[in-house]
Every structure is written in C-alpha cells, then in structure tokens.
Protein backbone atom coordinates (compact mmCIF):
# COMPACT_ATOMS: atom_id res chain seq x y z
CA UNK A 1 116.74 106.52 154.22
CA UNK A 2 112.95 107.63 154.77
CA UNK A 3 111.60 110.67 153.88
CA UNK A 4 109.05 112.50 155.84
CA UNK A 5 107.88 114.84 153.25
CA UNK A 6 107.35 112.16 151.69
CA UNK A 7 104.93 110.67 154.49
CA UNK A 8 103.53 113.35 155.32
CA UNK A 9 101.97 113.47 150.97
CA UNK A 10 101.43 109.48 151.19
CA UNK A 11 97.42 108.43 153.14
CA UNK A 12 97.73 105.59 154.41
CA UNK A 13 95.20 104.49 151.28
CA UNK A 14 97.51 105.93 149.06
CA UNK A 15 100.27 103.17 150.41
CA UNK A 16 97.55 100.49 150.21
CA UNK A 17 97.30 101.49 146.48
CA UNK A 18 100.37 101.65 145.62
CA UNK A 19 101.36 97.93 146.69
CA UNK A 20 98.25 96.59 145.07
CA UNK A 21 100.12 94.95 142.88
CA UNK A 22 102.68 92.01 144.33
CA UNK A 23 106.06 93.15 141.99
CA UNK A 24 105.34 97.14 143.91
CA UNK A 25 105.40 95.23 146.85
CA UNK A 26 108.89 93.61 146.35
CA UNK A 27 110.22 96.66 144.72
CA UNK A 28 109.84 98.46 147.74
CA UNK A 29 111.70 96.04 149.83
CA UNK A 30 114.02 95.34 148.23
CA UNK A 31 114.79 99.21 147.77
CA UNK A 32 113.96 99.63 151.65
CA UNK A 33 116.40 97.13 152.31
CA UNK A 34 118.76 97.47 149.54
CA UNK A 35 122.84 98.48 150.35
CA UNK A 36 122.59 101.48 148.84
CA UNK A 37 120.43 104.25 147.86
CA UNK A 38 120.56 103.89 143.62
CA UNK A 39 120.07 101.03 140.53
CA UNK A 40 120.32 100.58 137.54
CA UNK A 41 117.29 98.94 136.03
CA UNK A 42 118.87 96.35 134.42
CA UNK A 43 119.57 95.19 137.96
CA UNK A 44 116.63 96.26 139.55
CA UNK A 45 114.68 94.50 137.23
CA UNK A 46 117.84 91.11 137.23
CA UNK A 47 117.10 91.06 141.44
CA UNK A 48 112.77 91.13 140.92
CA UNK A 49 113.31 88.98 138.24
CA UNK A 50 115.14 86.53 140.43
CA UNK A 51 112.13 86.53 143.28
CA UNK A 52 109.31 85.86 140.79
CA UNK A 53 108.10 82.18 139.68
CA UNK A 54 110.41 81.66 136.76
CA UNK A 55 106.51 80.32 134.78
CA UNK A 56 105.22 83.56 135.54
CA UNK A 57 107.46 85.27 133.40
CA UNK A 58 108.64 83.11 130.17
CA UNK A 59 112.49 83.39 128.27
CA UNK A 60 114.03 86.35 129.89
CA UNK A 61 112.32 87.38 133.22
CA UNK A 62 114.70 90.39 133.37
CA UNK A 63 113.95 91.80 130.04
CA UNK A 64 110.28 91.37 130.45
CA UNK A 65 110.47 92.71 134.58
CA UNK A 66 112.20 95.77 133.30
CA UNK A 67 109.76 96.20 130.52
CA UNK A 68 106.61 96.41 132.55
CA UNK A 69 109.03 97.76 135.99
CA UNK A 70 110.17 100.71 133.38
CA UNK A 71 106.12 101.44 132.25
CA UNK A 72 104.63 100.68 134.68
CA UNK A 73 105.74 100.29 138.40
CA UNK A 74 108.75 103.42 138.05
CA UNK A 75 106.68 106.08 136.92
CA UNK A 76 103.54 105.08 139.53
CA UNK A 77 106.70 104.95 142.38
CA UNK A 78 107.77 108.24 140.61
CA UNK A 79 104.72 110.11 141.25
CA UNK A 80 104.31 108.76 144.48
CA UNK A 81 107.75 110.76 144.76
CA UNK A 82 109.04 106.76 146.90
CA UNK A 83 111.54 106.50 144.58
CA UNK A 84 112.69 108.99 142.03
CA UNK A 85 112.74 107.16 138.61
CA UNK A 86 115.78 108.71 135.43
CA UNK A 87 113.89 107.00 132.90
CA UNK A 88 117.01 108.93 130.23
CA UNK A 89 119.43 107.18 132.42
CA UNK A 90 117.14 104.21 133.63
CA UNK A 91 118.12 104.80 137.02
CA UNK A 92 116.44 104.68 140.51
CA UNK A 93 117.10 106.22 143.51
CA UNK A 94 115.42 105.33 146.40
CA UNK A 95 114.27 108.69 148.57
CA UNK A 96 111.95 105.70 150.65
CA UNK A 97 108.22 106.11 152.44
CA UNK A 98 108.59 105.88 156.77
CA UNK A 99 104.50 104.93 156.41
CA UNK A 100 105.09 102.87 152.51
CA UNK A 101 107.86 100.93 154.49
CA UNK A 102 104.72 100.41 157.82
CA UNK A 103 101.67 99.28 155.78
CA UNK A 104 104.39 97.06 153.77
CA UNK A 105 105.87 95.00 156.84
CA UNK A 106 102.14 94.81 157.68
CA UNK A 107 101.31 92.82 154.63
CA UNK A 108 103.74 90.53 154.31
CA UNK A 109 103.30 89.43 158.38
C-alpha cells in the first residue's frame, strides 16, 4: 500500500535522510512487504531483531530494538507520514510511500 499524498510531500532528499539509518531501512522494507499494514510494536521489534546480528544487540535483542523503534525510528517515520505510530497503543500502521520504496530499492542494489 502506498499513499500518493505522502509522495507529494517527501522529496528524494527526505527519503535519503529517513533511510540513512539501517534500522529504518529494515523497518520500511519489512512493512512494505508485510501481508498486513498494521503491526504491534512488539511484533515489529521481534521481526527487526531477527534480521540484525545478535552480538550487536546483547541480551534481550527484541527489547533493545523495541526501545529504539519507540523512541527514535517510528516517531521519525510518523513525522514523515510513512507510518502512523500510535505510541499509547503501541501500534504501527504502514501508510506507504512509493518514492520511499523506490529509494530503498536503489539503496539495496
């Protein structure tokens, strides 16, 4: 799912800035290819932790990822309207961005 409104607001430079973090790249990639648009913070953190090196995360990797998603990455993506993050309910809804996904594809190749 992508939102043309988001694409009208996000420039390529905005996308590059948002995707400057490997973790945000992983989040957008995961959400763009997921079967559903809505995810709990916990399930998203678990999925992201599984893609990262365990030695980089220490003990309780999903909890560490959860903290960084909640405090850093999801608020940035929410501010850019790429996701709708309800911090109180700890729910993430992917609103999508074709431009963001295009830039991500270019970064991954």
